[in-house]
Amino acid sequence: MKHMNIGILGMGTVATGLMTLLSDNKEIIERKSETEFQVTKVLVKDMNKKREVPLQQEVFTSKIEDIIDNEEIHLVVELIGGIHPAYEFVKKALKNGKHVVTANKALIATYGEELEGIADENGVYLRYEASVAGGIPIINTLKNSVESNEIKEIMGIVNGTTNYILTQMSERGLEFEEALKEAQDLGFAEADPSSDIDGDDAMYKIAILSYVAFGQPMHVDKICKEGITRISKEDIQYAKELGYTIKLVATARKEDHHLEMMVYPALLPMKHPIALAQNEYNAVVIKGNGLDDIMLYGKGAGALPTGSSVLNDMIEIAKNLRDQKKVYNRVKTQDPLLVDNKGHRQYYIRLDVIDKPGVMGQLTKIFGEHGIGLVSVSQLKRSEMVAPLVFITYETDQKMMKEVLCDIKKYSEVLKIASILAVES
């Protein structure tokens, strides 16, 4: 049996889960990988902090050099998060001939292609399954299990924090701030939740999935992104009355030579496959020209699910070394696609209007003048001479939608455009 020394950067939630699995599943891991993993050094900020992990105190260090310059360490597991100094640490580790496993989506979405090139130049592996959707093996599936297909679309719920918030708003009628506070109390949301609720976390993840699926650069700067901070309890309720639920969706769609990448809150039919994902669970649908649709479902965060993905990458590296496979990390590039986000889809528009005859008819006429068909028009519960109207359109693009909304704003009977959301079929 081979022996592999591991250096871990960070000992937070995911690293603790990894340590639990290394201990609890030791026999299974060694049988399948024919490798004994030994955690040799762990980088931490606070050397005096007590940690519930089976490691001696001398294993911990506050000096990064004790890991990335240590010739006895074969593999580095980066779990500190953020782009810097993680980028500098991983880059140096790869140049020093060490294999690297990371769960860092921001790092990979920003510098992944460069780091893969450095890994190839130095004959070492870089793996990052845990960077997207926690315990769901989505990257491995795209790389190895659907290679016979031309991937047309990836669509999913890839952020557990926002999914928990929206689930609680829907099931218990909580306001956004109440649901966010509960998510923070339960450890599903960070003290600073902006990366999750503003859509950045999902943006990084769909960039990585697009890179793997379509062989295109990680165009993070070209992704159209919107978070969930504007979702109200009223929108959740109105959507439910119309047979929909609201989720934060990340999509990457390829059509001819165009690629659309977006993160946005959307109305999904109650029976839509990914609409069934509740709380911290994630769900991703892959559409291919041969397999049609397949869905992967599981916990998108947490110590054990994410730790499991990290460990699976470690085992894969050990097996590749055992079988003496040629090291190759970079995704095979395809013909360049034009990245544009026309937003060609159905829309939900909620307006607050003065409650008087003829208003609905006039608004319907404005939509028609712009060539936008309506699937449904609903007048909801009135309140003090104010009538909420909800329109669901047929498919149209963002440009036409902006034009019709501009004209609607000019109509004196419209008090405000309360909400605009995408609708997925």
Protein backbone atom coordinates (compact mmCIF):
# COMPACT_ATOMS: atom_id res chain seq x y z
CA MET A 1 0.00 0.00 0.00
CA LYS A 2 1.25 3.45 -0.96
CA HIS A 3 1.55 6.28 1.53
CA MET A 4 0.51 9.87 0.78
CA ASN A 5 1.26 12.81 3.08
CA ILE A 6 -1.38 15.53 3.09
CA GLY A 7 -1.13 19.20 3.98
CA ILE A 8 -4.41 20.99 4.68
CA LEU A 9 -4.85 24.76 4.43
CA GLY A 10 -7.51 25.70 6.98
CA MET A 11 -9.42 23.72 9.58
CA GLY A 12 -12.96 25.05 9.28
CA THR A 13 -16.24 23.28 8.56
CA VAL A 14 -15.21 21.43 5.40
CA ALA A 15 -11.79 20.41 6.74
CA THR A 16 -13.45 19.07 9.89
CA GLY A 17 -15.82 17.02 7.73
CA LEU A 18 -12.87 15.71 5.72
CA MET A 19 -11.10 14.63 8.91
CA THR A 20 -14.24 12.83 10.10
CA LEU A 21 -14.48 10.88 6.85
CA LEU A 22 -10.78 10.03 6.82
CA SER A 23 -11.24 8.53 10.27
CA ASP A 24 -14.66 6.89 9.95
CA ASN A 25 -14.13 5.46 6.45
CA LYS A 26 -10.42 4.67 6.76
CA GLU A 27 -10.74 1.01 5.81
CA ILE A 28 -12.97 1.68 2.79
CA ILE A 29 -10.73 4.50 1.55
CA GLU A 30 -7.55 2.46 1.80
CA ARG A 31 -9.13 -0.56 0.12
CA LYS A 32 -10.40 1.45 -2.84
CA SER A 33 -7.39 3.72 -3.30
CA GLU A 34 -4.67 1.32 -2.12
CA THR A 35 -3.29 4.42 -0.42
CA GLU A 36 -2.92 5.46 3.19
CA PHE A 37 -3.58 9.18 3.58
CA GLN A 38 -1.66 10.82 6.42
CA VAL A 39 -2.44 14.38 7.44
CA THR A 40 1.05 15.74 8.12
CA LYS A 41 0.50 19.49 8.53
CA VAL A 42 -2.50 21.82 8.87
CA LEU A 43 -2.31 25.59 8.36
CA VAL A 44 -4.37 27.57 10.89
CA LYS A 45 -4.59 31.18 12.03
CA ASP A 46 -5.00 30.50 15.74
CA MET A 47 -2.60 27.90 17.11
CA ASN A 48 -4.26 27.94 20.54
CA LYS A 49 -7.81 27.24 19.41
CA LYS A 50 -9.20 23.86 20.51
CA ARG A 51 -10.38 21.71 17.61
CA GLU A 52 -12.42 18.51 17.74
CA VAL A 53 -10.28 16.59 15.26
CA PRO A 54 -8.02 13.55 15.81
CA LEU A 55 -4.72 15.39 15.29
CA GLN A 56 -1.76 16.04 17.56
CA GLN A 57 -0.94 19.68 18.35
CA GLU A 58 2.40 19.50 16.52
CA VAL A 59 0.55 18.91 13.25
CA PHE A 60 -0.80 22.48 13.30
CA THR A 61 1.24 25.38 11.96
CA SER A 62 0.76 29.06 11.24
CA LYS A 63 3.50 29.08 8.58
CA ILE A 64 2.48 28.28 5.01
CA GLU A 65 6.10 27.33 4.22
CA ASP A 66 5.73 24.30 6.51
CA ILE A 67 3.35 22.88 3.91
CA ILE A 68 4.08 24.17 0.42
CA ASP A 69 7.88 24.03 0.85
CA ASN A 70 7.80 20.70 2.70
CA GLU A 71 9.25 18.01 0.44
CA GLU A 72 7.56 15.26 2.47
CA ILE A 73 4.05 16.52 1.63
CA HIS A 74 2.65 15.11 -1.61
CA LEU A 75 -0.82 16.67 -1.75
CA VAL A 76 -2.20 20.03 -0.57
CA VAL A 77 -5.90 20.48 0.25
CA GLU A 78 -6.87 24.17 0.07
CA LEU A 79 -9.88 24.97 2.26
CA ILE A 80 -9.28 28.55 3.40
CA GLY A 81 -11.59 30.09 0.77
CA GLY A 82 -11.40 33.48 -0.92
CA ILE A 83 -9.15 34.40 -3.83
CA HIS A 84 -6.14 35.77 -1.97
CA PRO A 85 -3.92 34.41 -0.49
CA ALA A 86 -5.38 31.08 -1.69
CA TYR A 87 -4.23 31.81 -5.26
CA GLU A 88 -0.64 32.46 -4.21
CA PHE A 89 -0.57 29.38 -1.97
CA VAL A 90 -2.01 27.02 -4.60
CA LYS A 91 0.19 28.40 -7.37
CA LYS A 92 3.34 27.90 -5.27
CA ALA A 93 2.26 24.39 -4.23
CA LEU A 94 1.73 23.36 -7.86
CA LYS A 95 5.08 24.82 -8.91
CA ASN A 96 6.68 22.88 -6.06
CA GLY A 97 5.35 19.65 -7.56
CA LYS A 98 2.45 19.05 -5.20
CA HIS A 99 -0.99 17.83 -6.21
CA VAL A 100 -3.80 20.16 -5.11
CA VAL A 101 -7.46 19.62 -4.23
CA THR A 102 -9.62 22.66 -3.52
CA ALA A 103 -13.25 23.52 -2.72
CA ASN A 104 -12.70 27.17 -3.62
CA LYS A 105 -15.16 28.27 -6.34
CA ALA A 106 -14.03 31.91 -6.36
CA LEU A 107 -10.42 30.83 -6.88
CA ILE A 108 -11.22 28.37 -9.67
CA ALA A 109 -13.65 30.69 -11.46
CA THR A 110 -11.03 33.47 -11.41
CA TYR A 111 -7.73 31.62 -11.90
CA GLY A 112 -8.67 28.01 -12.66
CA GLU A 113 -7.45 27.94 -16.26
CA GLU A 114 -4.08 29.43 -15.30
CA LEU A 115 -3.67 27.04 -12.38
CA GLU A 116 -4.54 24.03 -14.54
CA GLY A 117 -1.83 25.08 -16.96
CA ILE A 118 0.71 25.35 -14.13
CA ALA A 119 -0.35 21.92 -12.85
CA ASP A 120 0.16 20.38 -16.30
CA GLU A 121 3.57 22.02 -16.68
CA ASN A 122 4.67 20.50 -13.38
CA GLY A 123 3.13 17.06 -13.86
CA VAL A 124 0.71 17.28 -10.93
CA TYR A 125 -3.05 17.12 -10.49
CA LEU A 126 -5.45 19.97 -9.69
CA ARG A 127 -8.98 18.88 -8.76
CA TYR A 128 -11.97 20.98 -7.64
CA GLU A 129 -15.13 18.85 -7.56
CA ALA A 130 -16.15 20.33 -4.19
CA SER A 131 -16.16 23.88 -5.61
CA VAL A 132 -19.65 23.39 -7.06
CA ALA A 133 -22.77 21.99 -5.37
CA GLY A 134 -21.13 20.48 -2.29
CA GLY A 135 -21.56 16.71 -2.32
CA ILE A 136 -23.04 16.46 -5.83
CA PRO A 137 -20.52 14.96 -8.32
CA ILE A 138 -21.42 17.39 -11.07
CA ILE A 139 -17.94 18.19 -12.42
CA ASN A 140 -16.93 14.53 -12.60
CA THR A 141 -20.22 13.77 -14.36
CA LEU A 142 -19.59 16.46 -16.98
CA LYS A 143 -15.98 15.39 -17.50
CA ASN A 144 -16.39 11.62 -17.54
CA SER A 145 -20.01 10.43 -17.69
CA VAL A 146 -21.63 12.40 -20.53
CA GLU A 147 -18.74 12.65 -22.98
CA SER A 148 -20.80 11.07 -25.78
CA ASN A 149 -23.19 14.02 -25.72
CA GLU A 150 -23.15 17.57 -26.94
CA ILE A 151 -24.24 19.50 -23.86
CA LYS A 152 -26.95 22.02 -24.65
CA GLU A 153 -27.83 23.41 -21.26
CA ILE A 154 -27.01 23.29 -17.57
CA MET A 155 -29.62 24.61 -15.18
CA GLY A 156 -29.69 24.33 -11.45
CA ILE A 157 -30.02 25.49 -7.90
CA VAL A 158 -26.40 25.66 -6.79
CA ASN A 159 -26.55 27.81 -3.67
CA GLY A 160 -27.89 26.22 -0.49
CA THR A 161 -28.11 29.46 1.49
CA THR A 162 -30.52 31.20 -0.88
CA ASN A 163 -32.50 28.01 -1.36
CA TYR A 164 -32.96 27.72 2.40
CA ILE A 165 -34.12 31.34 2.63
CA LEU A 166 -36.60 31.01 -0.24
CA THR A 167 -37.91 27.71 1.12
CA GLN A 168 -38.64 29.27 4.52
CA MET A 169 -40.28 32.31 2.90
CA SER A 170 -42.51 29.95 0.92
CA GLU A 171 -43.35 27.35 3.54
CA ARG A 172 -43.62 29.56 6.61
CA GLY A 173 -44.41 32.98 5.19
CA LEU A 174 -41.25 34.58 6.59
CA GLU A 175 -40.00 37.93 5.37
CA PHE A 176 -36.60 37.91 3.64
CA GLU A 177 -34.75 39.38 6.63
CA GLU A 178 -36.35 36.86 9.02
CA ALA A 179 -35.38 33.90 6.83
CA LEU A 180 -31.83 35.25 6.41
CA LYS A 181 -31.38 35.65 10.17
CA GLU A 182 -32.55 32.08 10.73
CA ALA A 183 -30.16 30.80 8.05
CA GLN A 184 -27.31 32.59 9.82
CA ASP A 185 -28.32 31.18 13.22
CA LEU A 186 -28.32 27.65 11.77
CA GLY A 187 -24.95 28.09 10.07
CA PHE A 188 -26.34 27.99 6.50
CA ALA A 189 -25.41 31.65 5.92
CA GLU A 190 -22.25 33.55 6.79
CA ALA A 191 -22.19 36.62 9.03
CA ASP A 192 -21.65 38.54 5.78
CA PRO A 193 -24.09 36.74 3.43
CA SER A 194 -23.59 39.06 0.45
CA SER A 195 -21.80 36.51 -1.75
CA ASP A 196 -24.80 34.20 -1.47
CA ILE A 197 -27.78 36.55 -1.52
CA ASP A 198 -26.31 38.83 -4.23
CA GLY A 199 -25.69 35.85 -6.53
CA ASP A 200 -21.86 35.91 -6.60
CA ASP A 201 -21.51 32.37 -5.25
CA ALA A 202 -23.84 30.96 -7.92
CA MET A 203 -22.11 33.08 -10.56
CA TYR A 204 -18.72 31.50 -9.79
CA LYS A 205 -20.25 28.04 -9.91
CA ILE A 206 -22.02 28.43 -13.26
CA ALA A 207 -18.79 29.86 -14.70
CA ILE A 208 -16.96 26.68 -13.66
CA LEU A 209 -19.70 24.40 -15.01
CA SER A 210 -19.75 26.28 -18.33
CA TYR A 211 -15.98 25.90 -18.62
CA VAL A 212 -16.17 22.15 -18.03
CA ALA A 213 -19.26 21.55 -20.19
CA PHE A 214 -18.58 23.83 -23.14
CA GLY A 215 -14.79 24.20 -23.14
CA GLN A 216 -15.06 27.98 -22.99
CA PRO A 217 -13.08 30.46 -20.88
CA MET A 218 -14.59 31.27 -17.48
CA HIS A 219 -16.31 34.51 -18.46
CA VAL A 220 -17.25 35.60 -14.94
CA ASP A 221 -17.42 39.24 -16.04
CA LYS A 222 -19.95 38.40 -18.76
CA ILE A 223 -22.44 36.55 -16.56
CA CYS A 224 -25.72 38.39 -16.05
CA LYS A 225 -26.36 38.19 -12.30
CA GLU A 226 -29.17 39.07 -9.92
CA GLY A 227 -29.60 37.93 -6.33
CA ILE A 228 -32.68 37.44 -4.15
CA THR A 229 -32.68 40.60 -2.02
CA ARG A 230 -35.67 42.06 -3.91
CA ILE A 231 -37.86 38.96 -3.51
CA SER A 232 -40.82 39.77 -1.30
CA LYS A 233 -43.21 37.63 0.68
CA GLU A 234 -45.93 38.89 -1.66
CA ASP A 235 -44.11 37.59 -4.76
CA ILE A 236 -43.68 34.19 -3.08
CA GLN A 237 -47.41 34.07 -2.29
CA TYR A 238 -48.58 35.29 -5.71
CA ALA A 239 -46.29 32.79 -7.44
CA LYS A 240 -47.73 29.99 -5.33
CA GLU A 241 -51.29 31.00 -6.24
CA LEU A 242 -50.31 30.77 -9.92
CA GLY A 243 -48.74 27.32 -9.48
CA TYR A 244 -45.09 28.39 -9.23
CA THR A 245 -42.29 28.51 -6.69
CA ILE A 246 -39.41 31.01 -6.72
CA LYS A 247 -35.81 29.77 -6.78
CA LEU A 248 -32.41 31.32 -7.48
CA VAL A 249 -31.43 29.64 -10.74
CA ALA A 250 -28.07 29.45 -12.50
CA THR A 251 -28.14 28.61 -16.20
CA ALA A 252 -25.72 28.12 -19.07
CA ARG A 253 -27.35 27.62 -22.46
CA LYS A 254 -25.68 26.93 -25.77
CA GLU A 255 -27.53 27.66 -28.99
CA ASP A 256 -25.70 27.50 -32.30
CA HIS A 257 -22.59 29.64 -31.69
CA HIS A 258 -24.02 31.56 -28.77
CA LEU A 259 -23.65 30.94 -25.04
CA GLU A 260 -25.90 32.51 -22.43
CA MET A 261 -24.87 32.45 -18.75
CA MET A 262 -27.16 33.88 -16.11
CA VAL A 263 -27.95 33.80 -12.39
CA TYR A 264 -31.41 35.06 -11.50
CA PRO A 265 -34.48 34.44 -9.31
CA ALA A 266 -37.14 32.69 -11.38
CA LEU A 267 -40.64 31.28 -11.13
CA LEU A 268 -40.56 27.52 -11.63
CA PRO A 269 -43.63 25.31 -12.00
CA MET A 270 -44.22 23.38 -8.79
CA LYS A 271 -43.57 20.10 -10.65
CA HIS A 272 -40.31 21.25 -12.27
CA PRO A 273 -37.56 18.76 -11.29
CA ILE A 274 -35.28 21.30 -9.60
CA ALA A 275 -38.22 22.99 -7.86
CA LEU A 276 -38.34 19.94 -5.59
CA ALA A 277 -34.99 20.93 -4.03
CA GLN A 278 -35.75 22.43 -0.62
CA ASN A 279 -33.68 24.17 2.08
CA GLU A 280 -29.92 23.57 1.72
CA TYR A 281 -30.32 20.99 -1.07
CA ASN A 282 -29.05 21.63 -4.59
CA ALA A 283 -30.28 20.22 -7.90
CA VAL A 284 -28.69 20.44 -11.35
CA VAL A 285 -30.20 19.38 -14.69
CA ILE A 286 -27.93 18.60 -17.63
CA LYS A 287 -29.46 18.61 -21.12
CA GLY A 288 -27.62 16.72 -23.84
CA ASN A 289 -28.48 15.88 -27.44
CA GLY A 290 -28.42 12.15 -26.66
CA LEU A 291 -29.39 11.76 -23.03
CA ASP A 292 -32.09 14.47 -23.02
CA ASP A 293 -32.30 15.46 -19.33
CA ILE A 294 -30.53 14.04 -16.28
CA MET A 295 -30.70 15.53 -12.80
CA LEU A 296 -28.23 15.38 -9.92
CA TYR A 297 -29.60 16.14 -6.46
CA GLY A 298 -28.05 16.39 -3.02
CA LYS A 299 -26.81 18.63 -0.24
CA GLY A 300 -25.01 21.63 -1.67
CA ALA A 301 -23.08 22.52 1.46
CA GLY A 302 -22.04 21.23 4.85
CA ALA A 303 -19.09 19.51 6.45
CA LEU A 304 -19.68 15.94 5.33
CA PRO A 305 -21.14 16.45 1.81
CA THR A 306 -18.40 18.90 0.77
CA GLY A 307 -15.74 16.96 2.66
CA SER A 308 -16.85 13.88 0.74
CA SER A 309 -16.25 15.60 -2.60
CA VAL A 310 -12.80 16.72 -1.45
CA LEU A 311 -11.97 13.19 -0.40
CA ASN A 312 -13.22 11.75 -3.70
CA ASP A 313 -10.78 14.02 -5.53
CA MET A 314 -7.97 12.83 -3.26
CA ILE A 315 -8.85 9.20 -3.99
CA GLU A 316 -8.99 9.88 -7.74
CA ILE A 317 -5.49 11.37 -7.63
CA ALA A 318 -4.20 8.39 -5.65
CA LYS A 319 -5.72 5.97 -8.17
CA ASN A 320 -4.28 7.87 -11.14
CA LEU A 321 -0.82 7.78 -9.57
CA ARG A 322 -1.22 4.08 -8.79
CA ASP A 323 -2.20 3.36 -12.41
CA GLN A 324 0.51 5.71 -13.71
CA LYS A 325 -1.94 7.71 -15.77
CA LYS A 326 -0.63 10.65 -17.74
CA VAL A 327 -1.29 13.90 -15.92
CA TYR A 328 -3.66 16.21 -17.79
CA ASN A 329 -5.83 18.82 -16.11
CA ARG A 330 -6.94 21.37 -18.65
CA VAL A 331 -10.41 21.09 -20.13
CA LYS A 332 -10.32 20.53 -23.89
CA THR A 333 -11.27 23.81 -25.51
CA GLN A 334 -13.97 24.01 -28.18
CA ASP A 335 -14.65 26.55 -30.90
CA PRO A 336 -15.17 29.98 -29.32
CA LEU A 337 -18.79 30.87 -28.61
CA LEU A 338 -20.25 34.37 -28.55
CA VAL A 339 -21.26 35.07 -24.97
CA ASP A 340 -24.43 37.14 -24.89
CA ASN A 341 -27.37 37.32 -22.52
CA LYS A 342 -30.45 38.37 -24.44
CA GLY A 343 -32.69 36.98 -21.71
CA HIS A 344 -35.08 35.33 -24.20
CA ARG A 345 -37.63 33.84 -21.81
CA GLN A 346 -41.01 34.31 -20.22
CA TYR A 347 -41.46 37.03 -17.62
CA TYR A 348 -43.58 37.66 -14.52
CA ILE A 349 -44.44 41.33 -14.02
CA ARG A 350 -46.30 42.57 -10.95
CA LEU A 351 -47.73 46.09 -11.05
CA ASP A 352 -49.55 48.16 -8.44
CA VAL A 353 -52.23 50.16 -10.25
CA ILE A 354 -55.15 52.42 -9.38
CA ASP A 355 -58.22 50.24 -8.99
CA LYS A 356 -60.55 51.53 -11.72
CA PRO A 357 -62.20 50.12 -14.86
CA GLY A 358 -60.18 49.95 -18.06
CA VAL A 359 -56.70 49.84 -16.52
CA MET A 360 -56.11 46.16 -17.21
CA GLY A 361 -57.30 46.55 -20.79
CA GLN A 362 -55.01 49.50 -21.44
CA LEU A 363 -51.98 47.67 -20.04
CA THR A 364 -52.77 44.57 -22.09
CA LYS A 365 -52.90 46.84 -25.15
CA ILE A 366 -49.40 48.23 -24.37
CA PHE A 367 -47.97 44.71 -24.29
CA GLY A 368 -49.67 43.95 -27.62
CA GLU A 369 -48.29 47.09 -29.26
CA HIS A 370 -44.79 45.82 -28.51
CA GLY A 371 -45.56 42.37 -29.89
CA ILE A 372 -45.43 40.65 -26.50
CA GLY A 373 -48.09 37.98 -25.97
CA LEU A 374 -49.55 37.25 -22.55
CA VAL A 375 -50.00 33.78 -21.12
CA SER A 376 -52.08 35.06 -18.23
CA VAL A 377 -53.29 38.24 -16.54
CA SER A 378 -54.40 38.13 -12.91
CA GLN A 379 -55.92 40.77 -10.67
CA LEU A 380 -55.02 39.98 -7.09
CA LYS A 381 -56.50 41.07 -3.78
CA ARG A 382 -57.25 44.79 -3.71
CA SER A 383 -56.03 47.09 -0.93
CA GLU A 384 -57.38 50.65 -0.45
CA MET A 385 -58.05 51.38 -4.13
CA VAL A 386 -54.78 49.74 -5.17
CA ALA A 387 -55.01 46.64 -7.34
CA PRO A 388 -51.99 44.34 -7.83
CA LEU A 389 -51.89 43.02 -11.40
CA VAL A 390 -49.70 40.10 -12.44
CA PHE A 391 -48.82 39.48 -16.10
CA ILE A 392 -47.01 36.36 -17.34
CA THR A 393 -45.69 36.81 -20.87
CA TYR A 394 -44.83 34.45 -23.65
CA GLU A 395 -41.12 34.26 -24.44
CA THR A 396 -39.52 37.57 -25.32
CA ASP A 397 -36.08 39.12 -24.95
CA GLN A 398 -34.80 41.65 -22.43
CA LYS A 399 -34.67 44.48 -24.98
CA MET A 400 -38.37 44.22 -25.82
CA MET A 401 -39.21 43.84 -22.14
CA LYS A 402 -37.36 47.06 -21.28
CA GLU A 403 -39.22 48.90 -24.02
CA VAL A 404 -42.66 47.79 -22.84
CA LEU A 405 -41.80 48.58 -19.21
CA CYS A 406 -40.72 52.08 -20.26
CA ASP A 407 -44.15 52.69 -21.77
CA ILE A 408 -45.92 51.15 -18.76
CA LYS A 409 -44.10 53.59 -16.45
CA LYS A 410 -45.55 56.48 -18.46
CA TYR A 411 -49.11 55.29 -17.91
CA SER A 412 -50.52 57.47 -15.13
CA GLU A 413 -52.66 54.73 -13.57
CA VAL A 414 -49.56 52.62 -12.75
CA LEU A 415 -48.36 53.42 -9.24
CA LYS A 416 -45.25 51.24 -9.42
CA ILE A 417 -43.63 48.26 -11.11
CA ALA A 418 -43.38 46.09 -8.01
CA SER A 419 -41.52 43.09 -9.41
CA ILE A 420 -40.07 41.58 -12.57
CA LEU A 421 -38.91 37.95 -12.56
CA ALA A 422 -38.07 35.34 -15.17
CA VAL A 423 -40.38 32.37 -15.64
CA GLU A 424 -39.00 28.92 -16.51
CA SER A 425 -41.21 26.24 -18.02
